[in-house]
PDB file of N, CA and C in Angstrom:
ATOM      1  N   MET A   1      99.085  86.121 115.336  1.00  0.00           N
ATOM      2  CA  MET A   1     100.095  87.079 114.950  1.00  0.00           C
ATOM      3  C   MET A   1      99.615  88.501 115.262  1.00  0.00           C
ATOM      4  N   ARG A   2      98.372  88.792 114.928  1.00  0.00           N
ATOM      5  CA  ARG A   2      97.840  90.132 115.159  1.00  0.00           C
ATOM      6  C   ARG A   2      97.898  90.488 116.632  1.00  0.00           C
ATOM      7  N   GLN A   3      97.448  89.583 117.493  1.00  0.00           N
ATOM      8  CA  GLN A   3      97.438  89.859 118.932  1.00  0.00           C
ATOM      9  C   GLN A   3      98.851  90.062 119.453  1.00  0.00           C
ATOM     10  N   ASP A   4      99.790  89.273 118.977  1.00  0.00           N
ATOM     11  CA  ASP A   4     101.188  89.415 119.390  1.00  0.00           C
ATOM     12  C   ASP A   4     101.710  90.803 119.036  1.00  0.00           C
ATOM     13  N   LEU A   5     101.390  91.281 117.835  1.00  0.00           N
ATOM     14  CA  LEU A   5     101.825  92.617 117.419  1.00  0.00           C
ATOM     15  C   LEU A   5     101.134  93.710 118.229  1.00  0.00           C
ATOM     16  N   GLU A   6      99.845  93.532 118.494  1.00  0.00           N
ATOM     17  CA  GLU A   6      99.104  94.548 119.245  1.00  0.00           C
ATOM     18  C   GLU A   6      99.590  94.667 120.685  1.00  0.00           C
ATOM     19  N   ASP A   7     100.189  93.600 121.211  1.00  0.00           N
ATOM     20  CA  ASP A   7     100.713  93.632 122.571  1.00  0.00           C
ATOM     21  C   ASP A   7     102.044  94.373 122.664  1.00  0.00           C
ATOM     22  N   LYS A   8     102.701  94.621 121.551  1.00  0.00           N
ATOM     23  CA  LYS A   8     104.004  95.289 121.544  1.00  0.00           C
ATOM     24  C   LYS A   8     103.840  96.785 121.314  1.00  0.00           C
ATOM     25  N   ALA A   9     104.760  97.555 121.876  1.00  0.00           N
ATOM     26  CA  ALA A   9     104.760  99.011 121.668  1.00  0.00           C
ATOM     27  C   ALA A   9     105.822  99.369 120.643  1.00  0.00           C
ATOM     28  N   PHE A  10     105.478 100.259 119.720  1.00  0.00           N
ATOM     29  CA  PHE A  10     106.403 100.792 118.724  1.00  0.00           C
ATOM     30  C   PHE A  10     106.351 102.304 118.844  1.00  0.00           C
ATOM     31  N   ASP A  11     107.506 102.934 118.955  1.00  0.00           N
ATOM     32  CA  ASP A  11     107.544 104.392 119.094  1.00  0.00           C
ATOM     33  C   ASP A  11     106.634 104.859 120.226  1.00  0.00           C
ATOM     34  N   THR A  12     106.699 104.174 121.336  1.00  0.00           N
ATOM     35  CA  THR A  12     105.945 104.459 122.574  1.00  0.00           C
ATOM     36  C   THR A  12     104.429 104.358 122.426  1.00  0.00           C
ATOM     37  N   GLY A  13     103.940 103.741 121.382  1.00  0.00           N
ATOM     38  CA  GLY A  13     102.499 103.594 121.208  1.00  0.00           C
ATOM     39  C   GLY A  13     102.144 102.187 120.789  1.00  0.00           C
ATOM     40  N   ARG A  14     100.907 101.862 120.944  1.00  0.00           N
ATOM     41  CA  ARG A  14     100.382 100.570 120.488  1.00  0.00           C
ATOM     42  C   ARG A  14      99.487 100.827 119.282  1.00  0.00           C
ATOM     43  N   TYR A  15      99.411  99.843 118.430  1.00  0.00           N
ATOM     44  CA  TYR A  15      98.675 100.015 117.195  1.00  0.00           C
ATOM     45  C   TYR A  15      97.700  98.863 116.999  1.00  0.00           C
ATOM     46  N   ALA A  16      96.644  99.114 116.262  1.00  0.00           N
ATOM     47  CA  ALA A  16      95.734  98.060 115.826  1.00  0.00           C
ATOM     48  C   ALA A  16      96.197  97.618 114.440  1.00  0.00           C
ATOM     49  N   TYR A  17      96.039  96.361 114.150  1.00  0.00           N
ATOM     50  CA  TYR A  17      96.527  95.825 112.881  1.00  0.00           C
ATOM     51  C   TYR A  17      95.389  95.205 112.095  1.00  0.00           C
ATOM     52  N   GLU A  18      95.480  95.361 110.796  1.00  0.00           N
ATOM     53  CA  GLU A  18      94.591  94.663 109.884  1.00  0.00           C
ATOM     54  C   GLU A  18      95.470  93.765 109.038  1.00  0.00           C
ATOM     55  N   ILE A  19      95.191  92.492 109.062  1.00  0.00           N
ATOM     56  CA  ILE A  19      95.982  91.538 108.295  1.00  0.00           C
ATOM     57  C   ILE A  19      95.117  91.047 107.153  1.00  0.00           C
ATOM     58  N   ASP A  20      95.634  91.172 105.942  1.00  0.00           N
ATOM     59  CA  ASP A  20      94.906  90.774 104.748  1.00  0.00           C
ATOM     60  C   ASP A  20      95.840  89.918 103.907  1.00  0.00           C
ATOM     61  N   VAL A  21      95.384  88.769 103.508  1.00  0.00           N
ATOM     62  CA  VAL A  21      96.185  87.869 102.693  1.00  0.00           C
ATOM     63  C   VAL A  21      95.503  87.739 101.339  1.00  0.00           C
ATOM     64  N   GLU A  22      96.227  88.082 100.297  1.00  0.00           N
ATOM     65  CA  GLU A  22      95.714  87.983  98.933  1.00  0.00           C
ATOM     66  C   GLU A  22      96.776  87.313  98.073  1.00  0.00           C
ATOM     67  N   SER A  23      96.349  86.728  96.985  1.00  0.00           N
ATOM     68  CA  SER A  23      97.300  86.151  96.037  1.00  0.00           C
ATOM     69  C   SER A  23      97.913  87.278  95.203  1.00  0.00           C
ATOM     70  N   LEU A  24      99.085  87.058  94.697  1.00  0.00           N
ATOM     71  CA  LEU A  24      99.773  88.077  93.901  1.00  0.00           C
ATOM     72  C   LEU A  24      98.945  88.546  92.702  1.00  0.00           C
ATOM     73  N   PRO A  25      98.238  87.655  91.995  1.00  0.00           N
ATOM     74  CA  PRO A  25      97.416  88.125  90.873  1.00  0.00           C
ATOM     75  C   PRO A  25      96.282  89.071  91.300  1.00  0.00           C
ATOM     76  N   ALA A  26      95.894  89.057  92.572  1.00  0.00           N
ATOM     77  CA  ALA A  26      94.809  89.928  93.045  1.00  0.00           C
ATOM     78  C   ALA A  26      95.288  91.341  93.336  1.00  0.00           C
ATOM     79  N   VAL A  27      96.589  91.559  93.399  1.00  0.00           N
ATOM     80  CA  VAL A  27      97.143  92.870  93.765  1.00  0.00           C
ATOM     81  C   VAL A  27      96.595  94.005  92.900  1.00  0.00           C
ATOM     82  N   PRO A  28      96.525  93.871  91.580  1.00  0.00           N
ATOM     83  CA  PRO A  28      95.998  94.984  90.775  1.00  0.00           C
ATOM     84  C   PRO A  28      94.582  95.420  91.157  1.00  0.00           C
ATOM     85  N   ASN A  29      93.774  94.501  91.679  1.00  0.00           N
ATOM     86  CA  ASN A  29      92.409  94.841  92.091  1.00  0.00           C
ATOM     87  C   ASN A  29      92.380  95.762  93.300  1.00  0.00           C
ATOM     88  N   TYR A  30      93.459  95.779  94.067  1.00  0.00           N
ATOM     89  CA  TYR A  30      93.515  96.554  95.306  1.00  0.00           C
ATOM     90  C   TYR A  30      94.605  97.617  95.270  1.00  0.00           C
ATOM     91  N   ALA A  31      95.080  97.977  94.100  1.00  0.00           N
ATOM     92  CA  ALA A  31      96.241  98.862  93.963  1.00  0.00           C
ATOM     93  C   ALA A  31      96.068 100.195  94.700  1.00  0.00           C
ATOM     94  N   ASP A  32      94.938 100.848  94.543  1.00  0.00           N
ATOM     95  CA  ASP A  32      94.736 102.144  95.199  1.00  0.00           C
ATOM     96  C   ASP A  32      94.748 102.011  96.721  1.00  0.00           C
ATOM     97  N   ASP A  33      94.047 101.010  97.234  1.00  0.00           N
ATOM     98  CA  ASP A  33      94.018 100.784  98.686  1.00  0.00           C
ATOM     99  C   ASP A  33      95.406 100.435  99.206  1.00  0.00           C
ATOM    100  N   LEU A  34      96.099  99.562  98.500  1.00  0.00           N
ATOM    101  CA  LEU A  34      97.438  99.161  98.933  1.00  0.00           C
ATOM    102  C   LEU A  34      98.423 100.326  98.895  1.00  0.00           C
ATOM    103  N   ARG A  35      98.308 101.163  97.877  1.00  0.00           N
ATOM    104  CA  ARG A  35      99.187 102.329  97.766  1.00  0.00           C
ATOM    105  C   ARG A  35      99.033 103.230  98.994  1.00  0.00           C
ATOM    106  N   GLU A  36      97.804 103.459  99.409  1.00  0.00           N
ATOM    107  CA  GLU A  36      97.538 104.289 100.588  1.00  0.00           C
ATOM    108  C   GLU A  36      98.088 103.636 101.860  1.00  0.00           C
ATOM    109  N   ILE A  37      97.844 102.355 102.025  1.00  0.00           N
ATOM    110  CA  ILE A  37      98.319 101.640 103.206  1.00  0.00           C
ATOM    111  C   ILE A  37      99.845 101.623 103.253  1.00  0.00           C
ATOM    112  N   LEU A  38     100.476 101.328 102.129  1.00  0.00           N
ATOM    113  CA  LEU A  38     101.936 101.258 102.099  1.00  0.00           C
ATOM    114  C   LEU A  38     102.592 102.620 102.272  1.00  0.00           C
ATOM    115  N   SER A  39     101.900 103.677 101.879  1.00  0.00           N
ATOM    116  CA  SER A  39     102.438 105.032 102.056  1.00  0.00           C
ATOM    117  C   SER A  39     102.389 105.462 103.517  1.00  0.00           C
ATOM    118  N   ASP A  40     101.337 105.077 104.213  1.00  0.00           N
ATOM    119  CA  ASP A  40     101.121 105.522 105.590  1.00  0.00           C
ATOM    120  C   ASP A  40     101.564 104.512 106.637  1.00  0.00           C
ATOM    121  N   GLY A  41     101.731 103.266 106.246  1.00  0.00           N
ATOM    122  CA  GLY A  41     101.955 102.197 107.206  1.00  0.00           C
ATOM    123  C   GLY A  41     103.390 102.069 107.675  1.00  0.00           C
ATOM    124  N   LEU A  42     103.550 101.289 108.719  1.00  0.00           N
ATOM    125  CA  LEU A  42     104.835 100.969 109.312  1.00  0.00           C
ATOM    126  C   LEU A  42     105.109  99.498 109.025  1.00  0.00           C
ATOM    127  N   VAL A  43     106.221  99.204 108.375  1.00  0.00           N
ATOM    128  CA  VAL A  43     106.573  97.818 108.066  1.00  0.00           C
ATOM    129  C   VAL A  43     107.202  97.207 109.310  1.00  0.00           C
ATOM    130  N   VAL A  44     106.537  96.218 109.861  1.00  0.00           N
ATOM    131  CA  VAL A  44     107.033  95.552 111.058  1.00  0.00           C
ATOM    132  C   VAL A  44     107.849  94.323 110.669  1.00  0.00           C
ATOM    133  N   HIS A  45     107.419  93.643 109.625  1.00  0.00           N
ATOM    134  CA  HIS A  45     108.111  92.434 109.172  1.00  0.00           C
ATOM    135  C   HIS A  45     108.116  92.434 107.646  1.00  0.00           C
ATOM    136  N   GLY A  46     109.247  92.716 107.045  1.00  0.00           N
ATOM    137  CA  GLY A  46     109.344  92.737 105.589  1.00  0.00           C
ATOM    138  C   GLY A  46     109.973  91.459 105.067  1.00  0.00           C
ATOM    139  N   THR A  47     109.614  91.111 103.851  1.00  0.00           N
ATOM    140  CA  THR A  47     110.190  89.943 103.179  1.00  0.00           C
ATOM    141  C   THR A  47     110.460  90.312 101.728  1.00  0.00           C
ATOM    142  N   GLU A  48     111.130  89.447 101.029  1.00  0.00           N
ATOM    143  CA  GLU A  48     111.394  89.678  99.602  1.00  0.00           C
ATOM    144  C   GLU A  48     110.073  89.746  98.821  1.00  0.00           C
ATOM    145  N   LYS A  49     109.125  88.900  99.188  1.00  0.00           N
ATOM    146  CA  LYS A  49     107.821  88.924  98.520  1.00  0.00           C
ATOM    147  C   LYS A  49     107.087  90.234  98.807  1.00  0.00           C
ATOM    148  N   PHE A  50     107.202  90.726 100.035  1.00  0.00           N
ATOM    149  CA  PHE A  50     106.594  92.016 100.372  1.00  0.00           C
ATOM    150  C   PHE A  50     107.219  93.122  99.526  1.00  0.00           C
ATOM    151  N   ASP A  51     108.544  93.095  99.403  1.00  0.00           N
ATOM    152  CA  ASP A  51     109.233  94.092  98.575  1.00  0.00           C
ATOM    153  C   ASP A  51     108.755  94.034  97.126  1.00  0.00           C
ATOM    154  N   THR A  52     108.497  92.831  96.631  1.00  0.00           N
ATOM    155  CA  THR A  52     107.998  92.665  95.264  1.00  0.00           C
ATOM    156  C   THR A  52     106.646  93.359  95.091  1.00  0.00           C
ATOM    157  N   VAL A  53     105.735  93.125  96.031  1.00  0.00           N
ATOM    158  CA  VAL A  53     104.410  93.750  95.962  1.00  0.00           C
ATOM    159  C   VAL A  53     104.535  95.262  96.095  1.00  0.00           C
ATOM    160  N   GLN A  54     105.360  95.725  97.023  1.00  0.00           N
ATOM    161  CA  GLN A  54     105.543  97.161  97.219  1.00  0.00           C
ATOM    162  C   GLN A  54     106.078  97.813  95.940  1.00  0.00           C
ATOM    163  N   ASN A  55     107.020  97.185  95.284  1.00  0.00           N
ATOM    164  CA  ASN A  55     107.547  97.718  94.026  1.00  0.00           C
ATOM    165  C   ASN A  55     106.479  97.718  92.937  1.00  0.00           C
ATOM    166  N   MET A  56     105.650  96.687  92.912  1.00  0.00           N
ATOM    167  CA  MET A  56     104.560  96.642  91.934  1.00  0.00           C
ATOM    168  C   MET A  56     103.625  97.824  92.137  1.00  0.00           C
ATOM    169  N   ILE A  57     103.314  98.134  93.383  1.00  0.00           N
ATOM    170  CA  ILE A  57     102.368  99.196  93.699  1.00  0.00           C
ATOM    171  C   ILE A  57     102.957 100.574  93.391  1.00  0.00           C
ATOM    172  N   PHE A  58     104.172 100.828  93.852  1.00  0.00           N
ATOM    173  CA  PHE A  58     104.753 102.170  93.737  1.00  0.00           C
ATOM    174  C   PHE A  58     105.385 102.478  92.389  1.00  0.00           C
ATOM    175  N   HIS A  59     105.786 101.446  91.667  1.00  0.00           N
ATOM    176  CA  HIS A  59     106.510 101.693  90.421  1.00  0.00           C
ATOM    177  C   HIS A  59     105.730 101.264  89.187  1.00  0.00           C
ATOM    178  N   GLY A  60     104.445 100.993  89.368  1.00  0.00           N
ATOM    179  CA  GLY A  60     103.575 100.747  88.222  1.00  0.00           C
ATOM    180  C   GLY A  60     103.804  99.459  87.487  1.00  0.00           C
ATOM    181  N   ASP A  61     104.336  98.454  88.150  1.00  0.00           N
ATOM    182  CA  ASP A  61     104.573  97.176  87.505  1.00  0.00           C
ATOM    183  C   ASP A  61     103.336  96.270  87.598  1.00  0.00           C
ATOM    184  N   LEU A  62     102.156  96.877  87.451  1.00  0.00           N
ATOM    185  CA  LEU A  62     100.907  96.133  87.550  1.00  0.00           C
ATOM    186  C   LEU A  62     100.286  95.969  86.168  1.00  0.00           C
ATOM    187  N   ASP A  63      99.568  94.905  86.001  1.00  0.00           N
ATOM    188  CA  ASP A  63      98.795  94.710  84.772  1.00  0.00           C
ATOM    189  C   ASP A  63      97.388  95.226  85.016  1.00  0.00           C
ATOM    190  N   GLU A  64      97.270  96.531  85.241  1.00  0.00           N
ATOM    191  CA  GLU A  64      95.950  97.115  85.538  1.00  0.00           C
ATOM    192  C   GLU A  64      95.141  97.272  84.265  1.00  0.00           C
TER     193      GLU A  64
END
């Protein structure tokens, strides 16, 4: 998946990708890092589960 994305151009540029898979309960452990990534990143493929995590990060729905 990463290589497929890196081969495509978005906004006339190519990007490097970091793919990280974590369980939903692990999200609070990475809240600060995820907040930074989600603020600066470009969503290439969103899902309902992704929206759930994004809302947890930005709207404080974490059990920190």
